[in-house]
Amino acid sequence: MITQRSRAVHSASVEALARRVREGLGGAGSGTPVADHLRAAAEGGGSTAAGHAGARDGAPGPVVAAGAVRLLGADVVAGHLLAGRPLPAPESQAVRLAVSALPPAPRASVAVLHGGEGAWLRAWTDWGLVTALAGVDATQPPVPAPVPPGPPVCEDRLPRRHRTGGAAEGGSVREGWVAWSLRMGQLASLALPHLDGPVHDAARRGPLGLARGATRALLRGDFATAARLNRWLAWLAADGSTLPVDAGVLGAEIALRGGGERCLLDVAIANRMLEGERAWTRK
């Protein structure tokens, strides 16, 4: 049974890791955010029950810390992907340890509308983490990651809240932009250079839905969702797409009004992609 305290501990661990990653993006961190996070958990949590739920001094336990890596997904190596540099050996070992502690499912056949949306989202987040790790760690052969089925198509002609339209051209399921954009926001950790797949193709086909979703979330005060969707817009800009809104202006507004370390990490990653500090092409 997941208690309110357990949820709070898990959330705090994700926020702490997001802060370490963000500091690394800005050059203020150690460059090994995952290794630092797992080390703090091991030193503070011990091997007792408290070590799994939360440490005595407020640090997450080892299992919770490893879970935070899986929840952030590819974001844990975002700084290295954006800079085009390999992971240091200690960081590589730490990320691989977290992946092995909570390994992704060996098969990713679950579809978003068949078998549970939560499992589908986890499968895509795991795909992003394993694929990104292979791209920045040349010390070991890349681990193949099963590619889950793609998302529905954003259909502007459907009612905006429609979740399960008929089959679009090519047999894909269609959705209105509200439901579609909210799901894309949950997959924002895939909006990084050198990651490409069906979710990215869906983003390329739906810039208007992403822009509408980001604007709607900002107006509703849902800054976390706004930051995630604006990150997709920044990815599209770096990918060469023409946007219906200015992602830089949206990001600045979110940074001024938003909060939370994970939200700020999304803003920082979007800014880095918009800056174009490093030219990158999709694979």
Protein backbone atom coordinates (compact mmCIF):
# COMPACT_ATOMS: atom_id res chain seq x y z
CA MET A 1 0.00 0.00 0.00
CA ILE A 2 1.35 3.42 -1.01
CA THR A 3 0.89 5.88 1.82
CA GLN A 4 0.86 9.65 1.66
CA ARG A 5 4.26 9.70 3.37
CA SER A 6 5.66 7.28 0.81
CA ARG A 7 4.41 9.47 -2.04
CA ALA A 8 6.00 12.50 -0.41
CA VAL A 9 9.34 10.72 -0.04
CA HIS A 10 9.32 9.58 -3.67
CA SER A 11 8.37 13.06 -4.86
CA ALA A 12 11.11 14.66 -2.77
CA SER A 13 13.68 12.25 -4.21
CA VAL A 14 12.68 13.13 -7.79
CA GLU A 15 12.86 16.84 -6.97
CA ALA A 16 16.29 16.46 -5.39
CA LEU A 17 17.65 14.57 -8.39
CA ALA A 18 16.11 17.11 -10.79
CA ARG A 19 17.91 19.86 -8.91
CA ARG A 20 21.25 18.05 -9.22
CA VAL A 21 20.71 17.55 -12.96
CA ARG A 22 19.71 21.19 -13.45
CA GLU A 23 22.75 22.43 -11.56
CA GLY A 24 24.90 20.28 -13.80
CA LEU A 25 23.31 21.88 -16.87
CA GLY A 26 24.31 25.30 -15.58
CA GLY A 27 27.86 24.27 -14.76
CA ALA A 28 27.36 24.55 -11.00
CA GLY A 29 26.99 20.84 -10.34
CA SER A 30 29.52 18.07 -10.05
CA GLY A 31 28.75 16.51 -13.43
CA THR A 32 27.72 13.26 -11.73
CA PRO A 33 24.18 13.97 -10.44
CA VAL A 34 23.03 10.34 -10.39
CA ALA A 35 26.17 9.11 -8.63
CA ASP A 36 25.81 11.90 -6.06
CA HIS A 37 22.12 11.11 -5.54
CA LEU A 38 22.68 7.39 -5.03
CA ARG A 39 25.67 8.04 -2.77
CA ALA A 40 23.64 10.38 -0.56
CA ALA A 41 20.92 7.75 -0.34
CA ALA A 42 23.37 5.00 0.59
CA GLU A 43 24.99 7.14 3.26
CA GLY A 44 21.73 8.46 4.70
CA GLY A 45 19.29 5.63 4.18
CA GLY A 46 21.26 2.58 5.19
CA SER A 47 19.76 -0.86 4.62
CA THR A 48 16.90 -0.63 7.10
CA ALA A 49 13.25 -0.10 6.28
CA ALA A 50 13.93 3.60 6.59
CA GLY A 51 16.49 3.21 3.84
CA HIS A 52 13.74 2.13 1.47
CA ALA A 53 11.16 4.69 2.48
CA GLY A 54 13.32 7.66 3.44
CA ALA A 55 16.51 8.42 5.30
CA ARG A 56 16.74 9.66 8.81
CA ASP A 57 18.16 13.02 7.70
CA GLY A 58 15.63 13.51 4.88
CA ALA A 59 17.68 11.92 2.09
CA PRO A 60 15.91 9.22 0.06
CA GLY A 61 16.65 5.57 0.66
CA PRO A 62 18.54 3.58 -2.01
CA VAL A 63 15.47 2.02 -3.59
CA VAL A 64 13.64 5.34 -3.70
CA ALA A 65 16.72 7.04 -5.16
CA ALA A 66 16.95 4.42 -7.91
CA GLY A 67 13.24 4.91 -8.57
CA ALA A 68 13.83 8.64 -9.05
CA VAL A 69 16.33 7.86 -11.81
CA ARG A 70 13.74 5.73 -13.59
CA LEU A 71 11.04 8.38 -13.21
CA LEU A 72 13.23 11.16 -14.61
CA GLY A 73 14.27 8.85 -17.44
CA ALA A 74 16.58 10.28 -20.09
CA ASP A 75 16.69 13.61 -18.24
CA VAL A 76 19.35 12.22 -15.91
CA VAL A 77 21.85 12.31 -18.81
CA ALA A 78 20.39 15.43 -20.48
CA GLY A 79 23.48 17.54 -19.80
CA HIS A 80 25.72 15.07 -21.59
CA LEU A 81 23.35 14.68 -24.55
CA LEU A 82 23.05 18.45 -24.97
CA ALA A 83 26.81 18.99 -24.71
CA GLY A 84 27.72 15.96 -26.80
CA ARG A 85 30.10 14.56 -24.22
CA PRO A 86 30.32 11.03 -22.79
CA LEU A 87 29.37 10.15 -19.25
CA PRO A 88 32.18 9.99 -16.69
CA ALA A 89 32.82 6.44 -15.51
CA PRO A 90 31.29 6.96 -12.01
CA GLU A 91 28.13 8.42 -13.54
CA SER A 92 27.87 5.62 -16.09
CA GLN A 93 28.14 3.04 -13.33
CA ALA A 94 25.53 4.83 -11.21
CA VAL A 95 22.98 5.11 -14.02
CA ARG A 96 23.48 1.48 -15.01
CA LEU A 97 23.10 0.46 -11.37
CA ALA A 98 19.77 2.27 -11.17
CA VAL A 99 18.59 0.68 -14.40
CA SER A 100 19.58 -2.80 -13.25
CA ALA A 101 17.92 -2.26 -9.85
CA LEU A 102 14.59 -1.50 -11.55
CA PRO A 103 15.01 -3.03 -15.01
CA PRO A 104 12.63 -2.10 -17.83
CA ALA A 105 10.22 -4.74 -19.05
CA PRO A 106 11.85 -6.96 -21.70
CA ARG A 107 8.84 -6.46 -24.00
CA ALA A 108 7.01 -3.26 -24.81
CA SER A 109 3.92 -4.46 -26.63
CA VAL A 110 1.42 -2.58 -24.48
CA ALA A 111 -0.46 0.14 -26.37
CA VAL A 112 -1.74 3.35 -24.85
CA LEU A 113 -5.39 2.36 -25.19
CA HIS A 114 -4.93 -1.39 -24.67
CA GLY A 115 -3.38 -2.66 -21.46
CA GLY A 116 -3.21 0.49 -19.38
CA GLU A 117 -1.88 3.96 -20.09
CA GLY A 118 0.43 3.88 -17.06
CA ALA A 119 2.33 0.86 -18.35
CA TRP A 120 2.60 2.48 -21.78
CA LEU A 121 4.02 5.70 -20.33
CA ARG A 122 6.54 3.75 -18.23
CA ALA A 123 7.61 1.75 -21.27
CA TRP A 124 8.34 4.91 -23.23
CA THR A 125 10.17 6.54 -20.32
CA ASP A 126 12.30 3.41 -19.95
CA TRP A 127 12.98 3.39 -23.70
CA GLY A 128 14.19 6.97 -23.47
CA LEU A 129 16.51 6.27 -20.55
CA VAL A 130 18.08 3.15 -22.07
CA THR A 131 18.43 4.74 -25.51
CA ALA A 132 19.94 7.96 -24.12
CA LEU A 133 22.35 5.97 -21.96
CA ALA A 134 23.57 4.06 -24.99
CA GLY A 135 24.18 7.37 -26.76
CA VAL A 136 26.45 8.86 -24.10
CA ASP A 137 28.19 5.77 -22.75
CA ALA A 138 30.62 4.06 -25.09
CA THR A 139 32.18 1.92 -22.37
CA GLN A 140 29.69 -0.92 -22.85
CA PRO A 141 27.70 -2.23 -25.81
CA PRO A 142 24.30 -0.50 -26.04
CA VAL A 143 21.43 -2.35 -24.43
CA PRO A 144 18.60 -2.76 -26.94
CA ALA A 145 15.40 -1.08 -25.85
CA PRO A 146 12.04 -2.37 -27.12
CA VAL A 147 10.06 0.36 -28.85
CA PRO A 148 6.48 0.63 -27.54
CA PRO A 149 3.57 1.38 -29.88
CA GLY A 150 3.26 5.02 -30.83
CA PRO A 151 0.75 7.52 -29.45
CA PRO A 152 -2.56 8.50 -31.02
CA VAL A 153 -2.64 11.21 -33.67
CA CYS A 154 -3.61 14.75 -32.66
CA GLU A 155 -6.68 15.57 -34.77
CA ASP A 156 -7.64 19.25 -34.77
CA ARG A 157 -11.02 18.51 -36.32
CA LEU A 158 -12.14 16.44 -33.35
CA PRO A 159 -13.59 18.00 -30.18
CA ARG A 160 -10.60 19.13 -28.14
CA ARG A 161 -11.33 16.74 -25.25
CA HIS A 162 -12.11 13.73 -27.42
CA ARG A 163 -9.93 10.81 -26.35
CA THR A 164 -10.65 7.94 -28.72
CA GLY A 165 -11.64 8.90 -32.22
CA GLY A 166 -11.86 6.52 -35.13
CA ALA A 167 -8.88 5.33 -37.10
CA ALA A 168 -7.08 8.07 -38.97
CA GLU A 169 -5.35 7.59 -42.28
CA GLY A 170 -2.88 4.77 -41.81
CA GLY A 171 -4.94 3.16 -39.05
CA SER A 172 -3.81 5.36 -36.12
CA VAL A 173 -6.22 6.32 -33.35
CA ARG A 174 -7.12 10.02 -33.25
CA GLU A 175 -7.55 12.32 -30.25
CA GLY A 176 -8.52 15.89 -29.52
CA TRP A 177 -5.65 18.19 -28.59
CA VAL A 178 -6.37 18.44 -24.85
CA ALA A 179 -6.07 14.73 -24.08
CA TRP A 180 -3.25 14.29 -26.60
CA SER A 181 -1.16 17.20 -25.29
CA LEU A 182 -1.51 16.09 -21.67
CA ARG A 183 -0.12 12.67 -22.59
CA MET A 184 2.73 14.21 -24.60
CA GLY A 185 3.59 16.30 -21.57
CA GLN A 186 4.01 13.11 -19.55
CA LEU A 187 6.60 12.00 -22.12
CA ALA A 188 8.62 15.23 -22.04
CA SER A 189 11.78 13.37 -20.97
CA LEU A 190 11.93 12.11 -24.58
CA ALA A 191 12.32 15.68 -25.89
CA LEU A 192 16.11 15.54 -26.10
CA PRO A 193 18.68 15.50 -28.90
CA HIS A 194 19.48 12.16 -30.50
CA LEU A 195 16.26 10.56 -29.32
CA ASP A 196 13.86 9.88 -32.15
CA GLY A 197 10.90 7.56 -32.63
CA PRO A 198 7.12 7.40 -32.98
CA VAL A 199 6.53 9.88 -30.13
CA HIS A 200 8.80 12.40 -31.85
CA ASP A 201 7.00 11.85 -35.13
CA ALA A 202 3.73 12.57 -33.33
CA ALA A 203 5.22 15.83 -32.02
CA ARG A 204 6.25 16.81 -35.55
CA ARG A 205 2.70 16.23 -36.75
CA GLY A 206 1.11 18.13 -33.86
CA PRO A 207 2.87 21.46 -33.15
CA LEU A 208 -0.46 23.28 -32.93
CA GLY A 209 -1.76 20.81 -30.34
CA LEU A 210 1.42 21.23 -28.30
CA ALA A 211 1.20 25.02 -28.50
CA ARG A 212 -2.46 24.98 -27.49
CA GLY A 213 -1.72 22.61 -24.62
CA ALA A 214 1.19 24.69 -23.32
CA THR A 215 -0.81 27.92 -23.49
CA ARG A 216 -3.83 26.33 -21.81
CA ALA A 217 -1.69 24.92 -19.00
CA LEU A 218 0.01 28.27 -18.44
CA LEU A 219 -3.32 30.10 -18.25
CA ARG A 220 -4.63 27.51 -15.79
CA GLY A 221 -1.56 27.88 -13.55
CA ASP A 222 -0.38 24.33 -14.31
CA PHE A 223 3.24 25.35 -14.76
CA ALA A 224 4.61 21.81 -14.65
CA THR A 225 2.53 20.76 -17.67
CA ALA A 226 3.25 24.05 -19.44
CA ALA A 227 6.99 23.52 -19.01
CA ARG A 228 6.82 19.96 -20.32
CA LEU A 229 4.87 20.94 -23.42
CA ASN A 230 7.04 23.98 -24.07
CA ARG A 231 10.00 21.64 -23.96
CA TRP A 232 8.49 19.72 -26.88
CA LEU A 233 8.10 23.03 -28.70
CA ALA A 234 11.78 23.80 -28.08
CA TRP A 235 12.68 20.36 -29.38
CA LEU A 236 10.64 20.99 -32.51
CA ALA A 237 12.38 24.34 -33.04
CA ALA A 238 15.79 22.69 -32.77
CA ASP A 239 14.54 19.95 -35.08
CA GLY A 240 13.77 22.55 -37.74
CA SER A 241 10.00 22.87 -37.39
CA THR A 242 8.09 26.16 -37.64
CA LEU A 243 6.17 26.86 -34.43
CA PRO A 244 2.81 28.62 -34.01
CA VAL A 245 4.09 30.31 -30.79
CA ASP A 246 7.39 31.64 -29.48
CA ALA A 247 8.75 28.89 -27.22
CA GLY A 248 11.32 31.29 -25.76
CA VAL A 249 8.64 33.72 -24.57
CA LEU A 250 6.55 30.89 -23.15
CA GLY A 251 9.56 29.46 -21.34
CA ALA A 252 10.45 32.83 -19.81
CA GLU A 253 6.90 33.25 -18.52
CA ILE A 254 6.89 29.74 -17.04
CA ALA A 255 10.24 30.37 -15.33
CA LEU A 256 8.92 33.56 -13.76
CA ARG A 257 5.67 32.07 -12.53
CA GLY A 258 6.40 28.36 -12.15
CA GLY A 259 8.08 26.39 -9.42
CA GLY A 260 9.45 23.04 -8.43
CA GLU A 261 12.77 21.56 -9.41
CA ARG A 262 11.41 19.27 -12.09
CA CYS A 263 9.55 22.17 -13.70
CA LEU A 264 12.70 24.30 -13.64
CA LEU A 265 14.69 21.42 -15.16
CA ASP A 266 12.25 21.27 -18.08
CA VAL A 267 12.65 25.03 -18.56
CA ALA A 268 16.44 24.76 -18.44
CA ILE A 269 16.54 21.93 -21.00
CA ALA A 270 14.18 23.84 -23.30
CA ASN A 271 16.39 26.92 -23.05
CA ARG A 272 19.47 24.93 -23.94
CA MET A 273 17.80 23.53 -27.03
CA LEU A 274 16.56 26.97 -28.06
CA GLU A 275 19.97 28.51 -27.59
CA GLY A 276 21.39 26.19 -30.22
CA GLU A 277 24.73 26.03 -28.38
CA ARG A 278 25.43 22.75 -30.08
CA ALA A 279 24.18 21.81 -33.52
CA TRP A 280 22.54 18.43 -33.52
CA THR A 281 20.61 16.45 -36.06
CA ARG A 282 18.10 13.75 -35.53
CA LYS A 283 19.18 10.21 -36.20
